[in-house]
Structures are given as structure tokens and as C-alpha cells.
Amino acid sequence: MSFLSVLGKVLHVAEASAPIVASAINPAAGALVSLVVSAVSQAEQAGGSGTAKKEQVMKDVTPAAASIVNAVLQAKGAKTNINSQQLTAAISSLVDGVVALLNSVQTPATAPASGSTAPASAGSGAS
């Protein structure tokens, strides 16, 4: 099983469970976590450098996150004036946390398929 296939399974589980847990505690937090996990998953599937993937996630997440935060605060009667630099820094930290969480998942080493042997060049003894 390749790393990408295992990562795909992990991301699928994270996409399903993280938003449920966060939503149970705080619905707005669940929406943000779901948004970030989904964007990270899409960026991982698209590939590229770590920097390029994070830039894509930030581009995808920041506008929606600002809307979610604004809506929650306005629903509670607060006047909103979101500092875009602080919002970007907070979202960046959230993205880094999700990536660190997903990177912490260890994949088990796969055993060779039954009946397979070592490569012919590995000590075959023939000259």
C-alpha cells in the first residue's frame, strides 16, 4: 500500500470525524475545521511543494473563514471589524495545526506480498 493511498484513507477519516467533533463543541469551529481539512486534503491530492500547497489552502480558506467569523459575531450582536492580518495569521496557524495532525499519523510498513522473493541482484550467488 503506497503512502498516498494510506494518506487518502487518513484524510477521508479526518474529513468525516474532525468536523463532527468540533461542531459538537462549537458549530462555527466545526465549519472552520471542516473547511481547512477539506482544503488541505484537496491540496495534498493536487501535489506540489509544501509552500505551494499551503498558499493554495490559504487562498481557498481565508475568504470563507472571514465570512464564518463575521456571521457568528454578528449573530451574537457584536459589531465586527476583522483585522485581516490577524485573521490570516490565525488561519495560517490552523492550517499548520491540521497539517501537523495529519503528518503525525504513522503508516505501518508493508510486508512483501506472499511468495515474493528478494531481487535477483541481492545475493543470488551467480556470476
C-alpha atoms as a PDB file:
ATOM      1  CA  MET A   1       0.000   0.000   0.000  1.00  0.00           C
ATOM      2  CA  SER A   2       1.546   3.305  -1.028  1.00  0.00           C
ATOM      3  CA  PHE A   3       1.929   6.323   1.230  1.00  0.00           C
ATOM      4  CA  LEU A   4      -0.573   8.277  -0.856  1.00  0.00           C
ATOM      5  CA  SER A   5      -3.234   5.593  -0.570  1.00  0.00           C
ATOM      6  CA  VAL A   6      -2.778   5.434   3.212  1.00  0.00           C
ATOM      7  CA  LEU A   7      -2.819   9.252   3.376  1.00  0.00           C
ATOM      8  CA  GLY A   8      -6.016   9.248   1.358  1.00  0.00           C
ATOM      9  CA  LYS A   9      -7.654   6.927   3.890  1.00  0.00           C
ATOM     10  CA  VAL A  10      -6.433   9.053   6.813  1.00  0.00           C
ATOM     11  CA  LEU A  11      -7.695  12.242   5.182  1.00  0.00           C
ATOM     12  CA  HIS A  12     -11.043  10.587   4.487  1.00  0.00           C
ATOM     13  CA  VAL A  13     -11.419   9.682   8.168  1.00  0.00           C
ATOM     14  CA  ALA A  14     -10.264  13.152   9.263  1.00  0.00           C
ATOM     15  CA  GLU A  15     -12.696  14.823   6.864  1.00  0.00           C
ATOM     16  CA  ALA A  16     -15.509  12.779   8.348  1.00  0.00           C
ATOM     17  CA  SER A  17     -14.697  12.929  12.052  1.00  0.00           C
ATOM     18  CA  ALA A  18     -12.929  16.231  12.826  1.00  0.00           C
ATOM     19  CA  PRO A  19     -15.838  18.481  11.809  1.00  0.00           C
ATOM     20  CA  ILE A  20     -18.309  16.348  13.776  1.00  0.00           C
ATOM     21  CA  VAL A  21     -16.254  16.598  16.964  1.00  0.00           C
ATOM     22  CA  ALA A  22     -15.597  20.328  16.532  1.00  0.00           C
ATOM     23  CA  SER A  23     -19.240  21.016  15.623  1.00  0.00           C
ATOM     24  CA  ALA A  24     -20.423  19.287  18.766  1.00  0.00           C
ATOM     25  CA  ILE A  25     -18.317  21.714  20.797  1.00  0.00           C
ATOM     26  CA  ASN A  26     -18.818  24.823  18.680  1.00  0.00           C
ATOM     27  CA  PRO A  27     -20.658  24.841  15.333  1.00  0.00           C
ATOM     28  CA  ALA A  28     -18.587  27.709  13.913  1.00  0.00           C
ATOM     29  CA  ALA A  29     -15.373  25.940  14.870  1.00  0.00           C
ATOM     30  CA  GLY A  30     -16.671  22.812  13.172  1.00  0.00           C
ATOM     31  CA  ALA A  31     -17.312  24.761   9.990  1.00  0.00           C
ATOM     32  CA  LEU A  32     -13.777  26.196  10.068  1.00  0.00           C
ATOM     33  CA  VAL A  33     -12.165  22.824  10.799  1.00  0.00           C
ATOM     34  CA  SER A  34     -14.179  21.180   8.035  1.00  0.00           C
ATOM     35  CA  LEU A  35     -13.155  23.907   5.622  1.00  0.00           C
ATOM     36  CA  VAL A  36      -9.457  23.595   6.477  1.00  0.00           C
ATOM     37  CA  VAL A  37      -9.385  19.782   6.449  1.00  0.00           C
ATOM     38  CA  SER A  38     -11.142  19.733   3.086  1.00  0.00           C
ATOM     39  CA  ALA A  39      -8.770  22.311   1.583  1.00  0.00           C
ATOM     40  CA  VAL A  40      -5.691  20.503   2.951  1.00  0.00           C
ATOM     41  CA  SER A  41      -6.987  17.213   1.557  1.00  0.00           C
ATOM     42  CA  GLN A  42      -7.530  18.762  -1.884  1.00  0.00           C
ATOM     43  CA  ALA A  43      -4.084  20.371  -1.836  1.00  0.00           C
ATOM     44  CA  GLU A  44      -2.440  17.062  -0.891  1.00  0.00           C
ATOM     45  CA  GLN A  45      -4.201  15.300  -3.735  1.00  0.00           C
ATOM     46  CA  ALA A  46      -3.129  18.019  -6.194  1.00  0.00           C
ATOM     47  CA  GLY A  47       0.505  17.696  -5.108  1.00  0.00           C
ATOM     48  CA  GLY A  48       3.281  20.240  -5.306  1.00  0.00           C
ATOM     49  CA  SER A  49       5.659  21.729  -2.784  1.00  0.00           C
ATOM     50  CA  GLY A  50       4.612  22.303   0.799  1.00  0.00           C
ATOM     51  CA  THR A  51       4.720  26.054   0.280  1.00  0.00           C
ATOM     52  CA  ALA A  52       2.576  25.893  -2.851  1.00  0.00           C
ATOM     53  CA  LYS A  53       0.035  23.642  -1.132  1.00  0.00           C
ATOM     54  CA  LYS A  54      -0.222  25.973   1.870  1.00  0.00           C
ATOM     55  CA  GLU A  55      -0.636  29.008  -0.386  1.00  0.00           C
ATOM     56  CA  GLN A  56      -3.493  27.242  -2.177  1.00  0.00           C
ATOM     57  CA  VAL A  57      -5.150  26.257   1.102  1.00  0.00           C
ATOM     58  CA  MET A  58      -4.851  29.820   2.426  1.00  0.00           C
ATOM     59  CA  LYS A  59      -6.309  31.190  -0.816  1.00  0.00           C
ATOM     60  CA  ASP A  60      -9.233  28.760  -0.587  1.00  0.00           C
ATOM     61  CA  VAL A  61      -9.914  29.097   3.143  1.00  0.00           C
ATOM     62  CA  THR A  62      -9.351  32.761   4.060  1.00  0.00           C
ATOM     63  CA  PRO A  63     -12.399  34.367   2.383  1.00  0.00           C
ATOM     64  CA  ALA A  64     -14.812  31.745   3.695  1.00  0.00           C
ATOM     65  CA  ALA A  65     -13.275  31.818   7.169  1.00  0.00           C
ATOM     66  CA  ALA A  66     -13.708  35.586   7.320  1.00  0.00           C
ATOM     67  CA  SER A  67     -17.368  35.169   6.367  1.00  0.00           C
ATOM     68  CA  ILE A  68     -17.918  32.471   9.002  1.00  0.00           C
ATOM     69  CA  VAL A  69     -16.309  34.542  11.762  1.00  0.00           C
ATOM     70  CA  ASN A  70     -18.257  37.638  10.703  1.00  0.00           C
ATOM     71  CA  ALA A  71     -21.564  35.756  10.641  1.00  0.00           C
ATOM     72  CA  VAL A  72     -21.025  34.222  14.072  1.00  0.00           C
ATOM     73  CA  LEU A  73     -20.087  37.532  15.656  1.00  0.00           C
ATOM     74  CA  GLN A  74     -22.965  39.395  14.015  1.00  0.00           C
ATOM     75  CA  ALA A  75     -25.422  36.702  15.103  1.00  0.00           C
ATOM     76  CA  LYS A  76     -24.312  37.361  18.679  1.00  0.00           C
ATOM     77  CA  GLY A  77     -24.915  41.086  18.211  1.00  0.00           C
ATOM     78  CA  ALA A  78     -21.266  42.094  18.031  1.00  0.00           C
ATOM     79  CA  LYS A  79     -20.100  44.805  15.697  1.00  0.00           C
ATOM     80  CA  THR A  80     -17.398  43.302  13.554  1.00  0.00           C
ATOM     81  CA  ASN A  81     -14.200  44.785  12.318  1.00  0.00           C
ATOM     82  CA  ILE A  82     -11.902  41.889  11.499  1.00  0.00           C
ATOM     83  CA  ASN A  83      -8.193  42.636  11.308  1.00  0.00           C
ATOM     84  CA  SER A  84      -7.175  40.871   8.092  1.00  0.00           C
ATOM     85  CA  GLN A  85      -3.548  40.377   9.178  1.00  0.00           C
ATOM     86  CA  GLN A  86      -4.579  38.730  12.442  1.00  0.00           C
ATOM     87  CA  LEU A  87      -7.172  36.625  10.637  1.00  0.00           C
ATOM     88  CA  THR A  88      -4.573  35.458   8.111  1.00  0.00           C
ATOM     89  CA  ALA A  89      -2.117  34.619  10.910  1.00  0.00           C
ATOM     90  CA  ALA A  90      -4.801  32.674  12.800  1.00  0.00           C
ATOM     91  CA  ILE A  91      -5.854  30.736   9.715  1.00  0.00           C
ATOM     92  CA  SER A  92      -2.206  30.004   8.929  1.00  0.00           C
ATOM     93  CA  SER A  93      -1.789  28.554  12.425  1.00  0.00           C
ATOM     94  CA  LEU A  94      -4.952  26.491  11.995  1.00  0.00           C
ATOM     95  CA  VAL A  95      -3.718  25.132   8.656  1.00  0.00           C
ATOM     96  CA  ASP A  96      -0.312  24.315  10.183  1.00  0.00           C
ATOM     97  CA  GLY A  97      -2.056  22.504  13.028  1.00  0.00           C
ATOM     98  CA  VAL A  98      -4.201  20.408  10.698  1.00  0.00           C
ATOM     99  CA  VAL A  99      -1.157  19.524   8.584  1.00  0.00           C
ATOM    100  CA  ALA A 100       0.865  18.613  11.704  1.00  0.00           C
ATOM    101  CA  LEU A 101      -2.002  16.448  12.934  1.00  0.00           C
ATOM    102  CA  LEU A 102      -2.246  14.618   9.617  1.00  0.00           C
ATOM    103  CA  ASN A 103       1.556  14.262   9.416  1.00  0.00           C
ATOM    104  CA  SER A 104       1.597  12.678  12.885  1.00  0.00           C
ATOM    105  CA  VAL A 105      -0.266   9.646  11.598  1.00  0.00           C
ATOM    106  CA  GLN A 106       2.185   6.794  11.241  1.00  0.00           C
ATOM    107  CA  THR A 107       1.757   4.386   8.359  1.00  0.00           C
ATOM    108  CA  PRO A 108       2.675   0.759   9.024  1.00  0.00           C
ATOM    109  CA  ALA A 109       5.456  -0.747   6.939  1.00  0.00           C
ATOM    110  CA  THR A 110       4.066  -3.068   4.323  1.00  0.00           C
ATOM    111  CA  ALA A 111       5.327  -6.618   4.132  1.00  0.00           C
ATOM    112  CA  PRO A 112       6.248  -8.097   0.753  1.00  0.00           C
ATOM    113  CA  ALA A 113       3.438  -9.962  -0.950  1.00  0.00           C
ATOM    114  CA  SER A 114       3.442 -13.658  -0.140  1.00  0.00           C
ATOM    115  CA  GLY A 115       5.533 -15.684  -2.488  1.00  0.00           C
ATOM    116  CA  SER A 116       7.752 -12.761  -3.462  1.00  0.00           C
ATOM    117  CA  THR A 117      11.484 -13.067  -3.225  1.00  0.00           C
ATOM    118  CA  ALA A 118      14.376 -10.685  -2.901  1.00  0.00           C
ATOM    119  CA  PRO A 119      15.599  -9.074  -6.127  1.00  0.00           C
ATOM    120  CA  ALA A 120      17.903 -11.264  -8.205  1.00  0.00           C
ATOM    121  CA  SER A 121      20.851  -8.906  -7.659  1.00  0.00           C
ATOM    122  CA  ALA A 122      20.630  -9.266  -3.873  1.00  0.00           C
ATOM    123  CA  GLY A 123      22.974 -12.130  -3.110  1.00  0.00           C
ATOM    124  CA  SER A 124      21.969 -14.599  -5.791  1.00  0.00           C
ATOM    125  CA  GLY A 125      25.468 -16.046  -5.802  1.00  0.00           C
ATOM    126  CA  ALA A 126      25.506 -16.359  -9.604  1.00  0.00           C
ATOM    127  CA  SER A 127      28.375 -14.733 -11.504  1.00  0.00           C
END
